[in-house]
Each structure stands twice: as C-alpha cells, then as structure tokens.
C-alpha cells in the first residue's frame, strides 16, 4: 500500500506560476480609474471634513459659553452671599461707635 505523496517541487512552482498569472489577468481586467469620480470623491471627503470641523468648533463654542455662564452664576451667587453676610466691624469702627454713644449720653445729661 502506497502512502499519500506530497506535491513535488515542480508541481508547487507550476501552481504558483498559474496563481500569479491568474492574479495578473484579474488585475488587467479591471476598468481604468475615472479621474472625475476620484476628484468628486476627494471633494466630498473635504466637504465632510469641513462640516465636521465646523461642528466641532460649534460644540467647543457652546462648551465655552456654558462654562462662562456657570462662572458668571457662581460669581453672582458669591456676591449675593457676601452682601447677605453681616459685616464685622473693625476695632476702629467699634471704638468710633462707642465714642458716639458716649457723646450722645453726655449730651442728654446736660
């Protein structure tokens, strides 16, 4: 009983040559590239890229505007909180108020 024989070197070379010829024939059978179609495709790609860039710029502008509005609201809230907080008198102001009360009391006694 004979075993399975591997294809020999000549068989492998012939198979590779046949495959190469078939690939070249398939490549030659393709229609030539239409320059107008290529130019139109490139123009569509550029238009799509420009639209995407414009969309990104609009999104970035909206993001910056939202951040600016948020910062303005925070600043306004901070100003309102500062205005609502009772003012702490300095020692000089406290002394001036005490002196004014003392002077008023003296004026009433006379």
Protein backbone atom coordinates (compact mmCIF):
# COMPACT_ATOMS: atom_id res chain seq x y z
CA UNK A 1 0.00 0.00 0.00
CA UNK A 2 1.45 3.30 -1.09
CA UNK A 3 1.16 6.43 1.09
CA UNK A 4 -0.01 9.89 0.05
CA UNK A 5 2.65 11.73 -1.91
CA UNK A 6 3.23 15.38 -1.34
CA UNK A 7 3.26 17.53 -4.48
CA UNK A 8 6.79 17.83 -5.76
CA UNK A 9 8.81 20.98 -6.28
CA UNK A 10 7.86 21.28 -9.95
CA UNK A 11 4.18 20.97 -9.06
CA UNK A 12 4.42 23.71 -6.46
CA UNK A 13 6.27 26.02 -8.88
CA UNK A 14 3.67 25.41 -11.60
CA UNK A 15 0.81 26.10 -9.16
CA UNK A 16 2.45 29.36 -8.00
CA UNK A 17 3.04 30.45 -11.63
CA UNK A 18 -0.57 29.69 -12.51
CA UNK A 19 -1.83 31.64 -9.47
CA UNK A 20 0.39 34.62 -10.36
CA UNK A 21 -0.86 34.63 -13.95
CA UNK A 22 -4.49 34.47 -12.78
CA UNK A 23 -3.94 37.38 -10.39
CA UNK A 24 -2.32 39.46 -13.14
CA UNK A 25 -5.16 38.65 -15.53
CA UNK A 26 -7.70 39.69 -12.91
CA UNK A 27 -5.81 42.94 -12.32
CA UNK A 28 -5.62 43.71 -16.04
CA UNK A 29 -9.35 43.15 -16.45
CA UNK A 30 -10.21 45.98 -14.02
CA UNK A 31 -11.55 49.15 -15.65
CA UNK A 32 -9.26 52.20 -15.56
CA UNK A 33 -9.67 54.73 -12.79
CA UNK A 34 -12.06 57.56 -13.66
CA UNK A 35 -10.34 60.83 -12.72
CA UNK A 36 -13.65 62.70 -12.45
CA UNK A 37 -15.00 60.15 -9.98
CA UNK A 38 -11.82 60.34 -7.92
CA UNK A 39 -11.96 64.15 -7.89
CA UNK A 40 -15.63 64.07 -6.86
CA UNK A 41 -14.86 61.60 -4.05
CA UNK A 42 -12.00 63.79 -2.80
CA UNK A 43 -14.25 66.86 -2.89
CA UNK A 44 -16.97 65.04 -0.91
CA UNK A 45 -14.36 63.98 1.64
CA UNK A 46 -13.11 67.57 2.01
CA UNK A 47 -16.67 68.85 2.40
CA UNK A 48 -17.38 66.21 5.07
CA UNK A 49 -14.19 67.12 6.92
CA UNK A 50 -15.07 70.83 6.78
CA UNK A 51 -18.56 70.12 8.13
CA UNK A 52 -17.10 68.01 10.93
CA UNK A 53 -14.60 70.74 11.81
CA UNK A 54 -17.40 73.33 11.87
CA UNK A 55 -19.48 71.06 14.09
CA UNK A 56 -16.54 70.58 16.47
CA UNK A 57 -15.95 74.34 16.59
CA UNK A 58 -19.64 74.97 17.37
CA UNK A 59 -19.57 72.35 20.11
CA UNK A 60 -16.42 73.89 21.60
CA UNK A 61 -18.02 77.37 21.48
CA UNK A 62 -21.14 76.05 23.21
CA UNK A 63 -19.00 74.38 25.84
CA UNK A 64 -17.06 77.60 26.46
CA UNK A 65 -20.29 79.62 26.64
CA UNK A 66 -21.76 77.18 29.15
CA UNK A 67 -18.61 77.40 31.26
CA UNK A 68 -18.66 81.21 31.12
CA UNK A 69 -22.34 81.25 32.15
CA UNK A 70 -21.61 78.86 35.01
CA UNK A 71 -18.71 81.03 36.22
CA UNK A 72 -20.86 84.16 36.00
CA UNK A 73 -23.64 82.47 38.00
CA UNK A 74 -21.13 81.36 40.62
CA UNK A 75 -19.68 84.88 40.85
CA UNK A 76 -23.18 86.35 41.21
CA UNK A 77 -24.04 83.84 43.93
CA UNK A 78 -20.78 84.64 45.69
CA UNK A 79 -21.55 88.38 45.53
CA UNK A 80 -25.06 87.82 46.92
CA UNK A 81 -23.68 85.71 49.75
CA UNK A 82 -21.10 88.39 50.52
CA UNK A 83 -23.81 91.07 50.58
CA UNK A 84 -26.08 88.96 52.80
CA UNK A 85 -23.33 88.19 55.30
CA UNK A 86 -23.34 90.61 58.23
CA UNK A 87 -20.42 92.96 58.21
CA UNK A 88 -17.95 92.54 61.04
CA UNK A 89 -16.85 95.89 62.41
CA UNK A 90 -13.18 96.63 62.78
CA UNK A 91 -11.86 97.71 66.18
CA UNK A 92 -11.60 101.31 64.97
CA UNK A 93 -15.25 101.32 63.87
CA UNK A 94 -16.30 99.78 67.20
CA UNK A 95 -14.39 102.49 69.11
CA UNK A 96 -15.95 105.25 66.99
CA UNK A 97 -19.46 103.87 67.66
CA UNK A 98 -18.75 103.62 71.39
CA UNK A 99 -17.43 107.18 71.44
CA UNK A 100 -20.55 108.37 69.59
CA UNK A 101 -22.82 106.66 72.15
CA UNK A 102 -20.78 108.15 74.99
CA UNK A 103 -21.04 111.64 73.45
CA UNK A 104 -24.81 111.22 72.98
CA UNK A 105 -25.23 110.13 76.57
CA UNK A 106 -23.25 113.15 77.78
CA UNK A 107 -25.33 115.44 75.61
CA UNK A 108 -28.56 114.07 77.09
CA UNK A 109 -27.40 114.69 80.65
CA UNK A 110 -26.77 118.38 80.11
